[in-house]
Structure formats: structure tokens, C-alpha cells
N, C-alpha and C. Protein backbone atom coordinates (compact mmCIF):
# COMPACT_ATOMS: atom_id res chain seq x y z
N MET A 1 42.01 14.75 -58.13
CA MET A 1 42.45 15.40 -56.91
C MET A 1 42.46 14.41 -55.74
N LYS A 2 41.48 13.49 -55.69
CA LYS A 2 41.44 12.50 -54.62
C LYS A 2 42.68 11.63 -54.63
N PHE A 3 43.13 11.26 -55.80
CA PHE A 3 44.26 10.36 -55.91
C PHE A 3 45.56 11.03 -55.45
N VAL A 4 45.71 12.29 -55.72
CA VAL A 4 46.91 13.01 -55.31
C VAL A 4 46.97 13.10 -53.78
N ILE A 5 45.85 13.38 -53.14
CA ILE A 5 45.81 13.49 -51.69
C ILE A 5 46.10 12.13 -51.05
N ILE A 6 45.53 11.08 -51.59
CA ILE A 6 45.77 9.75 -51.06
C ILE A 6 47.25 9.38 -51.22
N PHE A 7 47.83 9.71 -52.36
CA PHE A 7 49.24 9.41 -52.60
C PHE A 7 50.12 10.15 -51.59
N PHE A 8 49.86 11.44 -51.35
CA PHE A 8 50.67 12.20 -50.40
C PHE A 8 50.52 11.65 -48.98
N PHE A 9 49.31 11.23 -48.62
CA PHE A 9 49.10 10.65 -47.30
C PHE A 9 49.86 9.33 -47.17
N PHE A 10 49.79 8.49 -48.18
CA PHE A 10 50.50 7.22 -48.15
C PHE A 10 52.00 7.44 -48.10
N ALA A 11 52.50 8.37 -48.88
CA ALA A 11 53.94 8.63 -48.91
C ALA A 11 54.42 9.16 -47.57
N SER A 12 53.62 9.99 -46.91
CA SER A 12 54.06 10.55 -45.64
C SER A 12 54.03 9.52 -44.52
N THR A 13 53.11 8.55 -44.60
CA THR A 13 53.03 7.56 -43.52
C THR A 13 53.97 6.39 -43.74
N SER A 14 54.37 6.12 -44.95
CA SER A 14 55.19 4.94 -45.17
C SER A 14 56.68 5.23 -45.28
N TYR A 15 57.07 6.45 -45.52
CA TYR A 15 58.48 6.72 -45.74
C TYR A 15 59.14 7.60 -44.70
N GLY A 16 58.55 8.06 -43.68
CA GLY A 16 59.25 8.95 -42.76
C GLY A 16 59.27 8.44 -41.35
N GLN A 17 58.97 7.18 -41.14
CA GLN A 17 58.83 6.71 -39.78
C GLN A 17 60.03 5.90 -39.33
N TYR A 18 61.14 6.57 -39.24
CA TYR A 18 62.33 5.93 -38.71
C TYR A 18 63.11 6.94 -37.88
N ILE A 19 63.96 6.42 -37.05
CA ILE A 19 64.82 7.26 -36.21
C ILE A 19 66.25 6.89 -36.54
N GLU A 20 67.10 7.88 -36.68
CA GLU A 20 68.51 7.62 -36.87
C GLU A 20 69.15 7.51 -35.49
N MET A 21 69.82 6.38 -35.25
CA MET A 21 70.44 6.14 -33.95
C MET A 21 71.91 5.81 -34.15
N LEU A 22 72.71 6.15 -33.15
CA LEU A 22 74.13 5.83 -33.17
C LEU A 22 74.33 4.49 -32.50
N ASP A 23 74.89 3.54 -33.25
CA ASP A 23 75.17 2.22 -32.70
C ASP A 23 76.37 2.35 -31.76
N PRO A 24 76.21 1.99 -30.46
CA PRO A 24 77.30 2.20 -29.51
C PRO A 24 78.52 1.32 -29.75
N VAL A 25 78.34 0.23 -30.45
CA VAL A 25 79.47 -0.69 -30.69
C VAL A 25 80.29 -0.25 -31.90
N THR A 26 79.60 0.01 -33.01
CA THR A 26 80.31 0.34 -34.25
C THR A 26 80.48 1.84 -34.47
N ASN A 27 79.78 2.66 -33.68
CA ASN A 27 79.79 4.12 -33.82
C ASN A 27 79.34 4.58 -35.20
N LYS A 28 78.40 3.84 -35.80
CA LYS A 28 77.83 4.22 -37.08
C LYS A 28 76.37 4.57 -36.89
N VAL A 29 75.88 5.47 -37.71
CA VAL A 29 74.48 5.86 -37.66
C VAL A 29 73.67 4.83 -38.43
N THR A 30 72.61 4.32 -37.80
CA THR A 30 71.74 3.36 -38.46
C THR A 30 70.31 3.86 -38.38
N LYS A 31 69.48 3.41 -39.30
CA LYS A 31 68.07 3.75 -39.30
C LYS A 31 67.30 2.65 -38.59
N VAL A 32 66.48 3.03 -37.63
CA VAL A 32 65.63 2.09 -36.92
C VAL A 32 64.19 2.48 -37.22
N TYR A 33 63.47 1.57 -37.87
CA TYR A 33 62.08 1.85 -38.22
C TYR A 33 61.18 1.64 -37.02
N LEU A 34 60.23 2.53 -36.83
CA LEU A 34 59.39 2.51 -35.64
C LEU A 34 58.59 1.23 -35.49
N GLU A 35 58.22 0.60 -36.59
CA GLU A 35 57.45 -0.63 -36.51
C GLU A 35 58.25 -1.75 -35.87
N SER A 36 59.56 -1.70 -36.00
CA SER A 36 60.40 -2.79 -35.49
C SER A 36 60.84 -2.55 -34.05
N MET A 37 60.49 -1.42 -33.45
CA MET A 37 60.98 -1.10 -32.12
C MET A 37 60.11 -1.65 -31.00
N ASN A 38 58.88 -2.07 -31.28
CA ASN A 38 57.97 -2.57 -30.25
C ASN A 38 57.89 -1.63 -29.06
N MET A 39 57.58 -0.38 -29.35
CA MET A 39 57.49 0.63 -28.30
C MET A 39 56.30 0.33 -27.39
N PRO A 40 56.43 0.61 -26.09
CA PRO A 40 55.31 0.36 -25.18
C PRO A 40 54.17 1.36 -25.44
N TYR A 41 52.98 0.90 -25.21
CA TYR A 41 51.82 1.74 -25.47
C TYR A 41 51.27 2.36 -24.19
N LYS A 42 51.86 2.09 -23.04
CA LYS A 42 51.40 2.64 -21.79
C LYS A 42 52.26 3.83 -21.39
N THR A 43 51.66 4.76 -20.67
CA THR A 43 52.42 5.89 -20.15
C THR A 43 53.01 5.50 -18.80
N ALA A 44 53.92 6.31 -18.32
CA ALA A 44 54.54 6.04 -17.02
C ALA A 44 53.50 6.08 -15.90
N LEU A 45 52.53 6.96 -16.02
CA LEU A 45 51.48 7.04 -15.00
C LEU A 45 50.61 5.79 -15.01
N ASP A 46 50.33 5.24 -16.20
CA ASP A 46 49.58 3.98 -16.29
C ASP A 46 50.34 2.85 -15.62
N VAL A 47 51.64 2.76 -15.90
CA VAL A 47 52.46 1.71 -15.31
C VAL A 47 52.53 1.89 -13.80
N LEU A 48 52.64 3.13 -13.34
CA LEU A 48 52.69 3.41 -11.91
C LEU A 48 51.42 2.92 -11.21
N ASN A 49 50.27 3.23 -11.78
CA ASN A 49 49.00 2.80 -11.20
C ASN A 49 48.86 1.28 -11.22
N GLU A 50 49.28 0.67 -12.32
CA GLU A 50 49.23 -0.80 -12.42
C GLU A 50 50.14 -1.45 -11.38
N CYS A 51 51.33 -0.89 -11.19
CA CYS A 51 52.27 -1.45 -10.21
C CYS A 51 51.74 -1.29 -8.79
N ASN A 52 51.09 -0.17 -8.51
CA ASN A 52 50.50 0.02 -7.18
C ASN A 52 49.47 -1.07 -6.89
N LYS A 53 48.66 -1.40 -7.89
CA LYS A 53 47.66 -2.46 -7.72
C LYS A 53 48.35 -3.81 -7.52
N ARG A 54 49.39 -4.08 -8.30
CA ARG A 54 50.11 -5.35 -8.17
C ARG A 54 50.76 -5.49 -6.79
N ILE A 55 51.33 -4.40 -6.28
CA ILE A 55 51.98 -4.44 -4.97
C ILE A 55 50.94 -4.60 -3.87
N ASP A 56 49.79 -3.97 -4.03
CA ASP A 56 48.72 -4.15 -3.04
C ASP A 56 48.27 -5.61 -2.97
N LYS A 57 48.21 -6.26 -4.13
CA LYS A 57 47.83 -7.68 -4.17
C LYS A 57 48.92 -8.57 -3.59
N SER A 58 50.15 -8.32 -4.01
CA SER A 58 51.27 -9.16 -3.59
C SER A 58 52.47 -8.28 -3.25
N PRO A 59 52.72 -8.05 -1.96
CA PRO A 59 53.85 -7.19 -1.58
C PRO A 59 55.23 -7.75 -1.96
N GLN A 60 55.28 -9.00 -2.40
CA GLN A 60 56.54 -9.58 -2.84
C GLN A 60 56.70 -9.59 -4.36
N ASP A 61 55.97 -8.76 -5.06
CA ASP A 61 56.10 -8.64 -6.51
C ASP A 61 57.25 -7.68 -6.80
N TRP A 62 58.46 -8.24 -6.80
CA TRP A 62 59.67 -7.42 -6.91
C TRP A 62 59.76 -6.70 -8.24
N GLN A 63 59.29 -7.34 -9.29
CA GLN A 63 59.32 -6.71 -10.61
C GLN A 63 58.44 -5.45 -10.61
N ALA A 64 57.35 -5.48 -9.88
CA ALA A 64 56.46 -4.31 -9.79
C ALA A 64 57.16 -3.16 -9.09
N TYR A 65 57.95 -3.46 -8.05
CA TYR A 65 58.71 -2.40 -7.38
C TYR A 65 59.71 -1.76 -8.34
N TYR A 66 60.37 -2.62 -9.12
CA TYR A 66 61.35 -2.07 -10.08
C TYR A 66 60.65 -1.23 -11.14
N GLN A 67 59.56 -1.72 -11.70
CA GLN A 67 58.84 -0.96 -12.73
C GLN A 67 58.27 0.33 -12.16
N ARG A 68 57.81 0.29 -10.92
CA ARG A 68 57.29 1.51 -10.30
C ARG A 68 58.43 2.50 -10.09
N SER A 69 59.61 2.00 -9.73
CA SER A 69 60.76 2.87 -9.55
C SER A 69 61.14 3.56 -10.86
N ARG A 70 61.14 2.80 -11.96
CA ARG A 70 61.45 3.39 -13.27
C ARG A 70 60.40 4.43 -13.67
N SER A 71 59.14 4.12 -13.39
CA SER A 71 58.07 5.06 -13.72
C SER A 71 58.20 6.34 -12.89
N GLN A 72 58.59 6.19 -11.63
CA GLN A 72 58.79 7.37 -10.79
C GLN A 72 59.92 8.23 -11.35
N GLN A 73 60.96 7.59 -11.87
CA GLN A 73 62.05 8.37 -12.49
C GLN A 73 61.56 9.14 -13.70
N ILE A 74 60.78 8.49 -14.54
CA ILE A 74 60.27 9.15 -15.74
C ILE A 74 59.41 10.35 -15.36
N LEU A 75 58.69 10.23 -14.24
CA LEU A 75 57.84 11.32 -13.76
C LEU A 75 58.61 12.32 -12.89
N SER A 76 59.93 12.18 -12.82
CA SER A 76 60.84 13.06 -12.06
C SER A 76 60.57 13.04 -10.56
N ASN A 77 60.08 11.93 -10.05
CA ASN A 77 59.88 11.76 -8.61
C ASN A 77 60.99 10.84 -8.11
N TYR A 78 62.20 11.41 -7.99
CA TYR A 78 63.39 10.62 -7.73
C TYR A 78 63.44 10.05 -6.31
N LYS A 79 62.92 10.78 -5.34
CA LYS A 79 62.92 10.26 -3.97
C LYS A 79 62.04 9.03 -3.84
N ALA A 80 60.89 9.02 -4.50
CA ALA A 80 60.03 7.83 -4.49
C ALA A 80 60.70 6.67 -5.21
N SER A 81 61.45 6.97 -6.25
CA SER A 81 62.19 5.94 -6.97
C SER A 81 63.24 5.30 -6.06
N ILE A 82 63.92 6.13 -5.28
CA ILE A 82 64.93 5.61 -4.35
C ILE A 82 64.27 4.77 -3.27
N GLU A 83 63.10 5.16 -2.81
CA GLU A 83 62.38 4.37 -1.79
C GLU A 83 62.05 2.97 -2.33
N ASP A 84 61.61 2.89 -3.58
CA ASP A 84 61.31 1.58 -4.17
C ASP A 84 62.56 0.72 -4.33
N THR A 85 63.66 1.35 -4.74
CA THR A 85 64.89 0.57 -4.88
C THR A 85 65.44 0.16 -3.52
N ASP A 86 65.21 0.98 -2.49
CA ASP A 86 65.61 0.59 -1.14
C ASP A 86 64.89 -0.68 -0.70
N ILE A 87 63.63 -0.80 -1.05
CA ILE A 87 62.87 -2.01 -0.72
C ILE A 87 63.49 -3.22 -1.40
N LEU A 88 63.87 -3.07 -2.67
CA LEU A 88 64.51 -4.17 -3.38
C LEU A 88 65.85 -4.54 -2.75
N ILE A 89 66.62 -3.54 -2.36
CA ILE A 89 67.94 -3.80 -1.78
C ILE A 89 67.80 -4.46 -0.41
N GLU A 90 66.85 -4.00 0.40
CA GLU A 90 66.64 -4.60 1.72
C GLU A 90 66.26 -6.08 1.61
N ASN A 91 65.49 -6.43 0.59
CA ASN A 91 65.04 -7.81 0.40
C ASN A 91 65.97 -8.62 -0.50
N LYS A 92 67.07 -7.99 -0.94
CA LYS A 92 68.07 -8.65 -1.79
C LYS A 92 67.45 -9.23 -3.07
N LYS A 93 66.64 -8.43 -3.75
CA LYS A 93 65.99 -8.82 -5.00
C LYS A 93 66.36 -7.84 -6.10
N LEU A 94 66.64 -8.36 -7.27
CA LEU A 94 66.97 -7.55 -8.45
C LEU A 94 68.04 -6.49 -8.13
N LEU A 95 69.09 -6.92 -7.44
CA LEU A 95 70.08 -5.97 -6.94
C LEU A 95 70.79 -5.20 -8.05
N ASN A 96 71.09 -5.88 -9.15
CA ASN A 96 71.78 -5.17 -10.23
C ASN A 96 70.93 -4.02 -10.76
N LEU A 97 69.67 -4.28 -11.01
CA LEU A 97 68.78 -3.23 -11.53
C LEU A 97 68.50 -2.16 -10.48
N ALA A 98 68.36 -2.60 -9.23
CA ALA A 98 68.05 -1.66 -8.15
C ALA A 98 69.19 -0.66 -7.95
N TYR A 99 70.42 -1.16 -7.90
CA TYR A 99 71.55 -0.25 -7.70
C TYR A 99 71.74 0.68 -8.89
N TRP A 100 71.58 0.15 -10.08
CA TRP A 100 71.73 0.98 -11.29
C TRP A 100 70.69 2.11 -11.27
N ASN A 101 69.46 1.75 -11.00
CA ASN A 101 68.38 2.71 -10.99
C ASN A 101 68.55 3.74 -9.86
N GLN A 102 68.98 3.27 -8.71
CA GLN A 102 69.17 4.17 -7.58
C GLN A 102 70.30 5.16 -7.86
N GLY A 103 71.37 4.70 -8.48
CA GLY A 103 72.46 5.60 -8.84
C GLY A 103 72.00 6.70 -9.78
N LEU A 104 71.19 6.32 -10.75
CA LEU A 104 70.66 7.32 -11.67
C LEU A 104 69.78 8.33 -10.96
N SER A 105 68.99 7.88 -10.00
CA SER A 105 68.14 8.80 -9.23
C SER A 105 68.98 9.78 -8.42
N TYR A 106 70.06 9.27 -7.81
CA TYR A 106 70.93 10.17 -7.04
C TYR A 106 71.61 11.19 -7.95
N ILE A 107 71.97 10.79 -9.15
CA ILE A 107 72.56 11.75 -10.09
C ILE A 107 71.54 12.84 -10.41
N CYS A 108 70.31 12.46 -10.65
CA CYS A 108 69.27 13.45 -10.97
C CYS A 108 68.99 14.39 -9.80
N LEU A 109 69.21 13.89 -8.57
CA LEU A 109 69.04 14.74 -7.38
C LEU A 109 70.32 15.53 -7.06
N LEU A 110 71.35 15.36 -7.88
CA LEU A 110 72.65 16.02 -7.73
C LEU A 110 73.36 15.62 -6.45
N ASP A 111 73.10 14.44 -5.95
CA ASP A 111 73.78 13.88 -4.78
C ASP A 111 74.86 12.92 -5.29
N TYR A 112 75.98 13.50 -5.70
CA TYR A 112 77.00 12.73 -6.40
C TYR A 112 77.74 11.75 -5.48
N THR A 113 77.91 12.08 -4.21
CA THR A 113 78.62 11.17 -3.32
C THR A 113 77.81 9.88 -3.13
N LYS A 114 76.49 10.00 -2.98
CA LYS A 114 75.65 8.81 -2.86
C LYS A 114 75.64 8.02 -4.17
N ALA A 115 75.64 8.73 -5.29
CA ALA A 115 75.66 8.06 -6.59
C ALA A 115 76.93 7.24 -6.76
N ILE A 116 78.06 7.78 -6.32
CA ILE A 116 79.32 7.05 -6.41
C ILE A 116 79.27 5.79 -5.56
N GLU A 117 78.77 5.91 -4.33
CA GLU A 117 78.66 4.74 -3.44
C GLU A 117 77.79 3.65 -4.07
N VAL A 118 76.66 4.06 -4.62
CA VAL A 118 75.71 3.10 -5.18
C VAL A 118 76.29 2.44 -6.43
N TYR A 119 76.91 3.21 -7.30
CA TYR A 119 77.48 2.62 -8.52
C TYR A 119 78.64 1.67 -8.20
N LYS A 120 79.40 1.96 -7.16
CA LYS A 120 80.46 1.02 -6.76
C LYS A 120 79.86 -0.31 -6.31
N LYS A 121 78.73 -0.25 -5.60
CA LYS A 121 78.05 -1.48 -5.19
C LYS A 121 77.47 -2.20 -6.41
N ALA A 122 77.00 -1.45 -7.39
CA ALA A 122 76.41 -2.05 -8.59
C ALA A 122 77.42 -2.88 -9.36
N LEU A 123 78.69 -2.48 -9.33
CA LEU A 123 79.72 -3.23 -10.05
C LEU A 123 79.80 -4.68 -9.59
N ASN A 124 79.45 -4.95 -8.34
CA ASN A 124 79.53 -6.32 -7.81
C ASN A 124 78.46 -7.24 -8.38
N TYR A 125 77.43 -6.69 -8.97
CA TYR A 125 76.29 -7.50 -9.41
C TYR A 125 76.20 -7.66 -10.93
N TYR A 126 77.21 -7.22 -11.64
CA TYR A 126 77.22 -7.37 -13.10
C TYR A 126 78.44 -8.18 -13.52
N ASN A 127 78.21 -9.11 -14.44
CA ASN A 127 79.31 -9.90 -15.01
C ASN A 127 79.62 -9.47 -16.44
N ASP A 128 78.65 -8.88 -17.09
CA ASP A 128 78.79 -8.47 -18.49
C ASP A 128 79.81 -7.33 -18.59
N PRO A 129 80.84 -7.49 -19.43
CA PRO A 129 81.86 -6.44 -19.54
C PRO A 129 81.28 -5.10 -20.03
N TYR A 130 80.29 -5.16 -20.92
CA TYR A 130 79.70 -3.91 -21.41
C TYR A 130 78.99 -3.17 -20.28
N ALA A 131 78.24 -3.90 -19.45
CA ALA A 131 77.52 -3.28 -18.34
C ALA A 131 78.51 -2.68 -17.34
N LYS A 132 79.58 -3.41 -17.05
CA LYS A 132 80.59 -2.88 -16.13
C LYS A 132 81.26 -1.63 -16.70
N ALA A 133 81.54 -1.67 -17.99
CA ALA A 133 82.15 -0.50 -18.63
C ALA A 133 81.22 0.70 -18.57
N ARG A 134 79.94 0.45 -18.75
CA ARG A 134 78.95 1.53 -18.68
C ARG A 134 78.90 2.14 -17.27
N ILE A 135 78.95 1.29 -16.24
CA ILE A 135 78.94 1.78 -14.86
C ILE A 135 80.21 2.57 -14.58
N ILE A 136 81.34 2.08 -15.03
CA ILE A 136 82.60 2.80 -14.83
C ILE A 136 82.56 4.14 -15.55
N PHE A 137 81.96 4.17 -16.73
CA PHE A 137 81.80 5.43 -17.45
C PHE A 137 80.94 6.40 -16.64
N LEU A 138 79.82 5.91 -16.09
CA LEU A 138 78.95 6.76 -15.28
C LEU A 138 79.68 7.25 -14.03
N LEU A 139 80.47 6.37 -13.42
CA LEU A 139 81.27 6.79 -12.27
C LEU A 139 82.23 7.91 -12.65
N GLY A 140 82.86 7.76 -13.80
CA GLY A 140 83.78 8.81 -14.26
C GLY A 140 83.06 10.12 -14.50
N CYS A 141 81.86 10.06 -15.05
CA CYS A 141 81.09 11.29 -15.28
C CYS A 141 80.71 11.94 -13.96
N VAL A 142 80.33 11.13 -12.99
CA VAL A 142 79.93 11.68 -11.68
C VAL A 142 81.13 12.27 -10.95
N ILE A 143 82.25 11.59 -10.99
CA ILE A 143 83.45 12.08 -10.32
C ILE A 143 83.93 13.37 -10.97
N TYR A 144 83.80 13.45 -12.29
CA TYR A 144 84.26 14.64 -13.02
C TYR A 144 83.44 15.87 -12.64
N LYS A 145 82.16 15.68 -12.34
CA LYS A 145 81.29 16.81 -12.00
C LYS A 145 81.71 17.35 -10.66
């Protein structure tokens, strides 16, 4: 009986830990195993608290402002996320990420006119055709609403 239980435990832990994802380039479903994804082990609240400490130590830690902005989005605090991205924009740091993140926050707040303005500005800071296409797609979705 011990061996059967151990076998079922091993089979359940070794064979079911993957996610089926749609590859955006090929449009095919692929299996991504969780061990290969390097998922973060911190929660958004942990990252938020860590970023607050980093900003208190060094107010010019621009990466901390961006990470705090993303954490605020995950916690559905979109106005605080916009405030952090405003700081990045005022100081002309990480503009591509700041505009992208701010546009997403405005969409979540249902302020589509501001989202359109921000995404148009974001187009100026990306050279990658895929990123530009993604922004244009988001603009189309916002305009359609």
C-alpha cells in the first residue's frame, strides 16, 4: 500500500506541472513547464514594501519606481501607479516602460482619452516592430471601446 501511494504522489507531481500557452508568433499551442518559467517568489505587496524602502534610501532609484508602479497595478491601485509613472516621465527615465504602464492604468480606470494620448507618446520610445505593433493594437482596442 505504501508503494502505491508514493507512486501516485510522484506521478501527480512530475506529470501535471505545465501550462498550455498560445505562441503569439506562430499561433500554436505549446506546453511550458513550470520549472522552466523562473516564476518570481515574491508577492506584489512584498515588492511594493521593498521598493518603498529602496526609494527612501535613494530617491533616484528609477527601477524601484517602475517596479512599485507595476505592483500597484497588480494590487488594483491604478492612481498610485500613475503617480509613480509620472515621476519617471518628469525625470525622463525609463520612458518606454513608464508610458506603456501608464496607458494600461488609464485603461483600467476607463479613461480612454488619456490612454490614447499616453500610448501615442509611447510609440516614440520603441524601435522594436513587435512592441510598436502591440501598442497600435492596444490603441485600436481603446478607440473601438
